[in-house]
Amino acid sequence: MSKIYGGNAKIIQTKFGTMTKISQSRTDLEKLLAYLNANDTEWVNLVMKEKQEKVEGKATHYLEVDDWKPVQVANKPTEKRIVENDNLPF
């Protein structure tokens, strides 16, 4: 699957600490909606990645759709562990 980008981000410093500002255009949102429809899902996960080449005053990061899914192993039951009489301090 080709990469799908969904916006830009910029990390700014405020008097209360750092803050991430995210910008998404109509085109970005339409691409994300198309991804949702194509994958018949209600959620999309985005990863914020730092740009290699930064321009002063412009976005320093970009958003990319994280389409990772766990690998399903056929006919392998999930192991459940029950710990009895554990000695945990909490």
PDB file of N, CA and C in Angstrom:
ATOM      1  N   MET A   1       0.842  -1.178   0.000  1.00  0.00           N
ATOM      2  CA  MET A   1       0.000   0.000   0.000  1.00  0.00           C
ATOM      3  C   MET A   1       0.887   1.241   0.000  1.00  0.00           C
ATOM      4  N   SER A   2       0.519   2.218  -0.789  1.00  0.00           N
ATOM      5  CA  SER A   2       1.302   3.450  -0.820  1.00  0.00           C
ATOM      6  C   SER A   2       0.993   4.287   0.422  1.00  0.00           C
ATOM      7  N   LYS A   3       1.917   5.146   0.763  1.00  0.00           N
ATOM      8  CA  LYS A   3       1.769   5.967   1.960  1.00  0.00           C
ATOM      9  C   LYS A   3       0.685   7.011   1.755  1.00  0.00           C
ATOM     10  N   ILE A   4      -0.072   7.260   2.820  1.00  0.00           N
ATOM     11  CA  ILE A   4      -1.126   8.266   2.793  1.00  0.00           C
ATOM     12  C   ILE A   4      -0.773   9.312   3.848  1.00  0.00           C
ATOM     13  N   TYR A   5      -0.697  10.550   3.407  1.00  0.00           N
ATOM     14  CA  TYR A   5      -0.346  11.643   4.307  1.00  0.00           C
ATOM     15  C   TYR A   5      -1.605  12.411   4.666  1.00  0.00           C
ATOM     16  N   GLY A   6      -1.690  12.861   5.912  1.00  0.00           N
ATOM     17  CA  GLY A   6      -2.920  13.483   6.377  1.00  0.00           C
ATOM     18  C   GLY A   6      -2.746  14.791   7.103  1.00  0.00           C
ATOM     19  N   GLY A   7      -1.781  15.603   6.730  1.00  0.00           N
ATOM     20  CA  GLY A   7      -1.649  16.901   7.357  1.00  0.00           C
ATOM     21  C   GLY A   7      -0.232  17.225   7.777  1.00  0.00           C
ATOM     22  N   ASN A   8      -0.092  18.365   8.437  1.00  0.00           N
ATOM     23  CA  ASN A   8       1.192  18.853   8.918  1.00  0.00           C
ATOM     24  C   ASN A   8       1.091  19.193  10.392  1.00  0.00           C
ATOM     25  N   ALA A   9       2.237  19.278  11.033  1.00  0.00           N
ATOM     26  CA  ALA A   9       2.271  19.642  12.446  1.00  0.00           C
ATOM     27  C   ALA A   9       3.481  20.523  12.712  1.00  0.00           C
ATOM     28  N   LYS A  10       3.367  21.270  13.768  1.00  0.00           N
ATOM     29  CA  LYS A  10       4.445  22.166  14.170  1.00  0.00           C
ATOM     30  C   LYS A  10       4.496  22.145  15.688  1.00  0.00           C
ATOM     31  N   ILE A  11       5.666  21.950  16.247  1.00  0.00           N
ATOM     32  CA  ILE A  11       5.821  21.964  17.697  1.00  0.00           C
ATOM     33  C   ILE A  11       6.310  23.351  18.079  1.00  0.00           C
ATOM     34  N   ILE A  12       5.552  24.006  18.940  1.00  0.00           N
ATOM     35  CA  ILE A  12       5.911  25.357  19.362  1.00  0.00           C
ATOM     36  C   ILE A  12       6.139  25.383  20.861  1.00  0.00           C
ATOM     37  N   GLN A  13       6.907  26.349  21.292  1.00  0.00           N
ATOM     38  CA  GLN A  13       7.196  26.517  22.714  1.00  0.00           C
ATOM     39  C   GLN A  13       6.281  27.602  23.274  1.00  0.00           C
ATOM     40  N   THR A  14       5.600  27.300  24.375  1.00  0.00           N
ATOM     41  CA  THR A  14       4.767  28.279  25.061  1.00  0.00           C
ATOM     42  C   THR A  14       5.323  28.481  26.463  1.00  0.00           C
ATOM     43  N   LYS A  15       4.769  29.417  27.182  1.00  0.00           N
ATOM     44  CA  LYS A  15       5.257  29.625  28.548  1.00  0.00           C
ATOM     45  C   LYS A  15       4.895  28.461  29.467  1.00  0.00           C
ATOM     46  N   PHE A  16       3.999  27.587  29.007  1.00  0.00           N
ATOM     47  CA  PHE A  16       3.597  26.418  29.793  1.00  0.00           C
ATOM     48  C   PHE A  16       4.259  25.127  29.304  1.00  0.00           C
ATOM     49  N   GLY A  17       5.128  25.231  28.306  1.00  0.00           N
ATOM     50  CA  GLY A  17       5.793  24.053  27.761  1.00  0.00           C
ATOM     51  C   GLY A  17       5.540  23.940  26.267  1.00  0.00           C
ATOM     52  N   THR A  18       5.855  22.773  25.707  1.00  0.00           N
ATOM     53  CA  THR A  18       5.670  22.592  24.273  1.00  0.00           C
ATOM     54  C   THR A  18       4.231  22.254  23.941  1.00  0.00           C
ATOM     55  N   MET A  19       3.823  22.630  22.738  1.00  0.00           N
ATOM     56  CA  MET A  19       2.473  22.359  22.253  1.00  0.00           C
ATOM     57  C   MET A  19       2.576  21.965  20.791  1.00  0.00           C
ATOM     58  N   THR A  20       1.833  20.968  20.393  1.00  0.00           N
ATOM     59  CA  THR A  20       1.817  20.528  18.998  1.00  0.00           C
ATOM     60  C   THR A  20       0.583  21.101  18.327  1.00  0.00           C
ATOM     61  N   LYS A  21       0.806  21.820  17.222  1.00  0.00           N
ATOM     62  CA  LYS A  21      -0.286  22.371  16.431  1.00  0.00           C
ATOM     63  C   LYS A  21      -0.393  21.549  15.158  1.00  0.00           C
ATOM     64  N   ILE A  22      -1.585  21.025  14.890  1.00  0.00           N
ATOM     65  CA  ILE A  22      -1.820  20.178  13.720  1.00  0.00           C
ATOM     66  C   ILE A  22      -2.718  20.914  12.743  1.00  0.00           C
ATOM     67  N   SER A  23      -2.344  20.868  11.460  1.00  0.00           N
ATOM     68  CA  SER A  23      -3.132  21.500  10.399  1.00  0.00           C
ATOM     69  C   SER A  23      -3.515  20.439   9.380  1.00  0.00           C
ATOM     70  N   GLN A  24      -4.790  20.419   9.018  1.00  0.00           N
ATOM     71  CA  GLN A  24      -5.267  19.492   8.005  1.00  0.00           C
ATOM     72  C   GLN A  24      -6.139  20.261   7.026  1.00  0.00           C
ATOM     73  N   SER A  25      -5.885  20.051   5.754  1.00  0.00           N
ATOM     74  CA  SER A  25      -6.679  20.704   4.722  1.00  0.00           C
ATOM     75  C   SER A  25      -7.878  19.828   4.361  1.00  0.00           C
ATOM     76  N   ARG A  26      -8.763  20.376   3.586  1.00  0.00           N
ATOM     77  CA  ARG A  26      -9.914  19.603   3.105  1.00  0.00           C
ATOM     78  C   ARG A  26      -9.418  18.381   2.324  1.00  0.00           C
ATOM     79  N   THR A  27      -8.373  18.563   1.526  1.00  0.00           N
ATOM     80  CA  THR A  27      -7.808  17.456   0.744  1.00  0.00           C
ATOM     81  C   THR A  27      -7.262  16.366   1.666  1.00  0.00           C
ATOM     82  N   ASP A  28      -6.581  16.766   2.739  1.00  0.00           N
ATOM     83  CA  ASP A  28      -6.074  15.787   3.712  1.00  0.00           C
ATOM     84  C   ASP A  28      -7.220  14.976   4.308  1.00  0.00           C
ATOM     85  N   LEU A  29      -8.278  15.677   4.710  1.00  0.00           N
ATOM     86  CA  LEU A  29      -9.420  15.008   5.330  1.00  0.00           C
ATOM     87  C   LEU A  29     -10.136  14.103   4.333  1.00  0.00           C
ATOM     88  N   GLU A  30     -10.214  14.520   3.074  1.00  0.00           N
ATOM     89  CA  GLU A  30     -10.841  13.679   2.054  1.00  0.00           C
ATOM     90  C   GLU A  30     -10.042  12.407   1.823  1.00  0.00           C
ATOM     91  N   LYS A  31      -8.693  12.510   1.854  1.00  0.00           N
ATOM     92  CA  LYS A  31      -7.845  11.317   1.719  1.00  0.00           C
ATOM     93  C   LYS A  31      -8.060  10.364   2.891  1.00  0.00           C
ATOM     94  N   LEU A  32      -8.181  10.913   4.093  1.00  0.00           N
ATOM     95  CA  LEU A  32      -8.415  10.073   5.269  1.00  0.00           C
ATOM     96  C   LEU A  32      -9.781   9.411   5.197  1.00  0.00           C
ATOM     97  N   LEU A  33     -10.785  10.144   4.740  1.00  0.00           N
ATOM     98  CA  LEU A  33     -12.125   9.575   4.592  1.00  0.00           C
ATOM     99  C   LEU A  33     -12.128   8.475   3.531  1.00  0.00           C
ATOM    100  N   ALA A  34     -11.410   8.682   2.429  1.00  0.00           N
ATOM    101  CA  ALA A  34     -11.308   7.650   1.397  1.00  0.00           C
ATOM    102  C   ALA A  34     -10.639   6.394   1.958  1.00  0.00           C
ATOM    103  N   TYR A  35      -9.617   6.572   2.811  1.00  0.00           N
ATOM    104  CA  TYR A  35      -8.961   5.438   3.456  1.00  0.00           C
ATOM    105  C   TYR A  35      -9.950   4.676   4.342  1.00  0.00           C
ATOM    106  N   LEU A  36     -10.739   5.410   5.124  1.00  0.00           N
ATOM    107  CA  LEU A  36     -11.733   4.776   5.989  1.00  0.00           C
ATOM    108  C   LEU A  36     -12.736   3.974   5.171  1.00  0.00           C
ATOM    109  N   ASN A  37     -13.221   4.563   4.089  1.00  0.00           N
ATOM    110  CA  ASN A  37     -14.202   3.882   3.244  1.00  0.00           C
ATOM    111  C   ASN A  37     -13.604   2.666   2.555  1.00  0.00           C
ATOM    112  N   ALA A  38     -12.390   2.784   2.060  1.00  0.00           N
ATOM    113  CA  ALA A  38     -11.745   1.677   1.352  1.00  0.00           C
ATOM    114  C   ALA A  38     -11.452   0.500   2.277  1.00  0.00           C
ATOM    115  N   ASN A  39     -11.201   0.777   3.557  1.00  0.00           N
ATOM    116  CA  ASN A  39     -10.870  -0.273   4.509  1.00  0.00           C
ATOM    117  C   ASN A  39     -12.033  -0.653   5.408  1.00  0.00           C
ATOM    118  N   ASP A  40     -13.202  -0.086   5.134  1.00  0.00           N
ATOM    119  CA  ASP A  40     -14.426  -0.376   5.892  1.00  0.00           C
ATOM    120  C   ASP A  40     -14.165  -0.328   7.396  1.00  0.00           C
ATOM    121  N   THR A  41     -13.640   0.806   7.849  1.00  0.00           N
ATOM    122  CA  THR A  41     -13.313   0.982   9.255  1.00  0.00           C
ATOM    123  C   THR A  41     -13.831   2.321   9.749  1.00  0.00           C
ATOM    124  N   GLU A  42     -13.876   2.471  11.041  1.00  0.00           N
ATOM    125  CA  GLU A  42     -14.355   3.707  11.657  1.00  0.00           C
ATOM    126  C   GLU A  42     -13.228   4.540  12.236  1.00  0.00           C
ATOM    127  N   TRP A  43     -11.996   3.996  12.237  1.00  0.00           N
ATOM    128  CA  TRP A  43     -10.861   4.671  12.866  1.00  0.00           C
ATOM    129  C   TRP A  43      -9.704   4.772  11.896  1.00  0.00           C
ATOM    130  N   VAL A  44      -8.900   5.786  12.079  1.00  0.00           N
ATOM    131  CA  VAL A  44      -7.646   5.896  11.358  1.00  0.00           C
ATOM    132  C   VAL A  44      -6.577   6.313  12.364  1.00  0.00           C
ATOM    133  N   ASN A  45      -5.441   5.649  12.318  1.00  0.00           N
ATOM    134  CA  ASN A  45      -4.322   5.981  13.202  1.00  0.00           C
ATOM    135  C   ASN A  45      -3.293   6.753  12.397  1.00  0.00           C
ATOM    136  N   LEU A  46      -2.839   7.858  12.957  1.00  0.00           N
ATOM    137  CA  LEU A  46      -1.849   8.696  12.298  1.00  0.00           C
ATOM    138  C   LEU A  46      -0.567   8.708  13.123  1.00  0.00           C
ATOM    139  N   VAL A  47       0.561   8.748  12.427  1.00  0.00           N
ATOM    140  CA  VAL A  47       1.855   8.862  13.070  1.00  0.00           C
ATOM    141  C   VAL A  47       2.420  10.228  12.694  1.00  0.00           C
ATOM    142  N   MET A  48       2.908  10.967  13.690  1.00  0.00           N
ATOM    143  CA  MET A  48       3.536  12.250  13.426  1.00  0.00           C
ATOM    144  C   MET A  48       5.036  12.009  13.277  1.00  0.00           C
ATOM    145  N   LYS A  49       5.572  12.393  12.114  1.00  0.00           N
ATOM    146  CA  LYS A  49       6.991  12.182  11.830  1.00  0.00           C
ATOM    147  C   LYS A  49       7.659  13.520  11.551  1.00  0.00           C
ATOM    148  N   GLU A  50       8.898  13.635  11.979  1.00  0.00           N
ATOM    149  CA  GLU A  50       9.651  14.870  11.797  1.00  0.00           C
ATOM    150  C   GLU A  50      10.180  14.969  10.368  1.00  0.00           C
ATOM    151  N   LYS A  51      10.040  16.150   9.776  1.00  0.00           N
ATOM    152  CA  LYS A  51      10.557  16.374   8.432  1.00  0.00           C
ATOM    153  C   LYS A  51      12.083  16.406   8.467  1.00  0.00           C
ATOM    154  N   GLN A  52      12.707  15.882   7.425  1.00  0.00           N
ATOM    155  CA  GLN A  52      14.164  15.892   7.356  1.00  0.00           C
ATOM    156  C   GLN A  52      14.685  17.295   7.069  1.00  0.00           C
ATOM    157  N   GLU A  53      13.996  18.005   6.185  1.00  0.00           N
ATOM    158  CA  GLU A  53      14.410  19.360   5.839  1.00  0.00           C
ATOM    159  C   GLU A  53      13.363  20.336   6.350  1.00  0.00           C
ATOM    160  N   LYS A  54      13.755  21.148   7.312  1.00  0.00           N
ATOM    161  CA  LYS A  54      12.822  22.091   7.929  1.00  0.00           C
ATOM    162  C   LYS A  54      13.035  23.488   7.361  1.00  0.00           C
ATOM    163  N   VAL A  55      11.935  24.241   7.261  1.00  0.00           N
ATOM    164  CA  VAL A  55      11.977  25.622   6.806  1.00  0.00           C
ATOM    165  C   VAL A  55      11.471  26.485   7.951  1.00  0.00           C
ATOM    166  N   GLU A  56      12.215  27.521   8.285  1.00  0.00           N
ATOM    167  CA  GLU A  56      11.858  28.408   9.392  1.00  0.00           C
ATOM    168  C   GLU A  56      10.436  28.949   9.216  1.00  0.00           C
ATOM    169  N   GLY A  57       9.616  28.802  10.254  1.00  0.00           N
ATOM    170  CA  GLY A  57       8.252  29.309  10.238  1.00  0.00           C
ATOM    171  C   GLY A  57       7.233  28.377   9.609  1.00  0.00           C
ATOM    172  N   LYS A  58       7.680  27.265   9.051  1.00  0.00           N
ATOM    173  CA  LYS A  58       6.775  26.290   8.408  1.00  0.00           C
ATOM    174  C   LYS A  58       6.623  25.061   9.306  1.00  0.00           C
ATOM    175  N   ALA A  59       5.738  24.178   8.889  1.00  0.00           N
ATOM    176  CA  ALA A  59       5.519  22.938   9.634  1.00  0.00           C
ATOM    177  C   ALA A  59       6.811  22.131   9.729  1.00  0.00           C
ATOM    178  N   THR A  60       7.061  21.542  10.890  1.00  0.00           N
ATOM    179  CA  THR A  60       8.269  20.760  11.129  1.00  0.00           C
ATOM    180  C   THR A  60       8.009  19.258  11.095  1.00  0.00           C
ATOM    181  N   HIS A  61       6.744  18.878  11.061  1.00  0.00           N
ATOM    182  CA  HIS A  61       6.364  17.472  11.084  1.00  0.00           C
ATOM    183  C   HIS A  61       5.253  17.230  10.057  1.00  0.00           C
ATOM    184  N   TYR A  62       5.029  15.968   9.748  1.00  0.00           N
ATOM    185  CA  TYR A  62       3.920  15.594   8.874  1.00  0.00           C
ATOM    186  C   TYR A  62       3.205  14.399   9.482  1.00  0.00           C
ATOM    187  N   LEU A  63       1.959  14.183   9.057  1.00  0.00           N
ATOM    188  CA  LEU A  63       1.152  13.077   9.566  1.00  0.00           C
ATOM    189  C   LEU A  63       1.021  12.020   8.479  1.00  0.00           C
ATOM    190  N   GLU A  64       1.215  10.774   8.869  1.00  0.00           N
ATOM    191  CA  GLU A  64       1.118   9.656   7.936  1.00  0.00           C
ATOM    192  C   GLU A  64       0.196   8.602   8.520  1.00  0.00           C
ATOM    193  N   VAL A  65      -0.650   8.012   7.669  1.00  0.00           N
ATOM    194  CA  VAL A  65      -1.554   6.958   8.116  1.00  0.00           C
ATOM    195  C   VAL A  65      -0.733   5.746   8.530  1.00  0.00           C
ATOM    196  N   ASP A  66      -1.007   5.244   9.723  1.00  0.00           N
ATOM    197  CA  ASP A  66      -0.370   4.029  10.238  1.00  0.00           C
ATOM    198  C   ASP A  66      -1.311   2.869   9.926  1.00  0.00           C
ATOM    199  N   ASP A  67      -0.986   2.110   8.894  1.00  0.00           N
ATOM    200  CA  ASP A  67      -1.871   1.012   8.474  1.00  0.00           C
ATOM    201  C   ASP A  67      -1.383  -0.351   8.957  1.00  0.00           C
ATOM    202  N   TRP A  68      -0.526  -0.357   9.998  1.00  0.00           N
ATOM    203  CA  TRP A  68      -0.019  -1.606  10.554  1.00  0.00           C
ATOM    204  C   TRP A  68      -1.154  -2.413  11.161  1.00  0.00           C
ATOM    205  N   LYS A  69      -1.150  -3.695  10.885  1.00  0.00           N
ATOM    206  CA  LYS A  69      -2.121  -4.612  11.479  1.00  0.00           C
ATOM    207  C   LYS A  69      -1.355  -5.826  11.986  1.00  0.00           C
ATOM    208  N   PRO A  70      -1.761  -6.387  13.116  1.00  0.00           N
ATOM    209  CA  PRO A  70      -1.061  -7.578  13.626  1.00  0.00           C
ATOM    210  C   PRO A  70      -1.238  -8.751  12.675  1.00  0.00           C
ATOM    211  N   VAL A  71      -0.235  -9.596  12.626  1.00  0.00           N
ATOM    212  CA  VAL A  71      -0.285 -10.775  11.771  1.00  0.00           C
ATOM    213  C   VAL A  71      -1.131 -11.837  12.463  1.00  0.00           C
ATOM    214  N   GLN A  72      -2.109 -12.361  11.756  1.00  0.00           N
ATOM    215  CA  GLN A  72      -2.958 -13.417  12.298  1.00  0.00           C
ATOM    216  C   GLN A  72      -2.356 -14.768  11.917  1.00  0.00           C
ATOM    217  N   VAL A  73      -2.131 -15.608  12.913  1.00  0.00           N
ATOM    218  CA  VAL A  73      -1.622 -16.953  12.667  1.00  0.00           C
ATOM    219  C   VAL A  73      -2.821 -17.888  12.654  1.00  0.00           C
ATOM    220  N   ALA A  74      -3.018 -18.590  11.549  1.00  0.00           N
ATOM    221  CA  ALA A  74      -4.184 -19.459  11.391  1.00  0.00           C
ATOM    222  C   ALA A  74      -4.128 -20.644  12.354  1.00  0.00           C
ATOM    223  N   ASN A  75      -5.266 -20.948  12.946  1.00  0.00           N
ATOM    224  CA  ASN A  75      -5.456 -22.118  13.810  1.00  0.00           C
ATOM    225  C   ASN A  75      -4.513 -22.155  15.006  1.00  0.00           C
ATOM    226  N   LYS A  76      -4.096 -21.026  15.496  1.00  0.00           N
ATOM    227  CA  LYS A  76      -3.258 -21.015  16.693  1.00  0.00           C
ATOM    228  C   LYS A  76      -4.032 -20.304  17.797  1.00  0.00           C
ATOM    229  N   PRO A  77      -4.448 -21.046  18.834  1.00  0.00           N
ATOM    230  CA  PRO A  77      -5.211 -20.412  19.912  1.00  0.00           C
ATOM    231  C   PRO A  77      -4.353 -19.426  20.707  1.00  0.00           C
ATOM    232  N   THR A  78      -4.989 -18.427  21.226  1.00  0.00           N
ATOM    233  CA  THR A  78      -4.306 -17.449  22.057  1.00  0.00           C
ATOM    234  C   THR A  78      -4.094 -18.034  23.448  1.00  0.00           C
ATOM    235  N   GLU A  79      -2.891 -17.924  23.943  1.00  0.00           N
ATOM    236  CA  GLU A  79      -2.566 -18.459  25.257  1.00  0.00           C
ATOM    237  C   GLU A  79      -2.995 -17.466  26.336  1.00  0.00           C
ATOM    238  N   LYS A  80      -3.683 -17.937  27.326  1.00  0.00           N
ATOM    239  CA  LYS A  80      -4.075 -17.100  28.452  1.00  0.00           C
ATOM    240  C   LYS A  80      -3.324 -17.582  29.680  1.00  0.00           C
ATOM    241  N   ARG A  81      -2.733 -16.661  30.384  1.00  0.00           N
ATOM    242  CA  ARG A  81      -2.009 -17.016  31.593  1.00  0.00           C
ATOM    243  C   ARG A  81      -2.737 -16.426  32.790  1.00  0.00           C
ATOM    244  N   ILE A  82      -2.890 -17.237  33.783  1.00  0.00           N
ATOM    245  CA  ILE A  82      -3.494 -16.786  35.035  1.00  0.00           C
ATOM    246  C   ILE A  82      -2.423 -16.936  36.112  1.00  0.00           C
ATOM    247  N   VAL A  83      -2.134 -15.835  36.756  1.00  0.00           N
ATOM    248  CA  VAL A  83      -1.122 -15.858  37.805  1.00  0.00           C
ATOM    249  C   VAL A  83      -1.847 -15.943  39.143  1.00  0.00           C
ATOM    250  N   GLU A  84      -1.549 -16.987  39.880  1.00  0.00           N
ATOM    251  CA  GLU A  84      -2.155 -17.167  41.187  1.00  0.00           C
ATOM    252  C   GLU A  84      -1.109 -16.943  42.261  1.00  0.00           C
ATOM    253  N   ASN A  85      -1.539 -16.379  43.367  1.00  0.00           N
ATOM    254  CA  ASN A  85      -0.674 -16.145  44.514  1.00  0.00           C
ATOM    255  C   ASN A  85       0.579 -15.340  44.137  1.00  0.00           C
ATOM    256  N   ASP A  86       0.374 -14.303  43.345  1.00  0.00           N
ATOM    257  CA  ASP A  86       1.531 -13.493  42.980  1.00  0.00           C
ATOM    258  C   ASP A  86       1.968 -12.632  44.152  1.00  0.00           C
ATOM    259  N   ASN A  87       3.175 -12.216  44.129  1.00  0.00           N
ATOM    260  CA  ASN A  87       3.737 -11.431  45.204  1.00  0.00           C
ATOM    261  C   ASN A  87       4.011  -9.988  44.768  1.00  0.00           C
ATOM    262  N   LEU A  88       3.124  -9.457  43.971  1.00  0.00           N
ATOM    263  CA  LEU A  88       3.294  -8.079  43.512  1.00  0.00           C
ATOM    264  C   LEU A  88       3.010  -7.112  44.651  1.00  0.00           C
ATOM    265  N   PRO A  89       3.767  -6.011  44.734  1.00  0.00           N
ATOM    266  CA  PRO A  89       3.599  -5.065  45.845  1.00  0.00           C
ATOM    267  C   PRO A  89       2.390  -4.157  45.715  1.00  0.00           C
ATOM    268  N   PHE A  90       1.591  -4.297  44.669  1.00  0.00           N
ATOM    269  CA  PHE A  90       0.418  -3.412  44.512  1.00  0.00           C
ATOM    270  C   PHE A  90      -0.839  -4.189  44.248  1.00  0.00           C
TER     271      PHE A  90
END
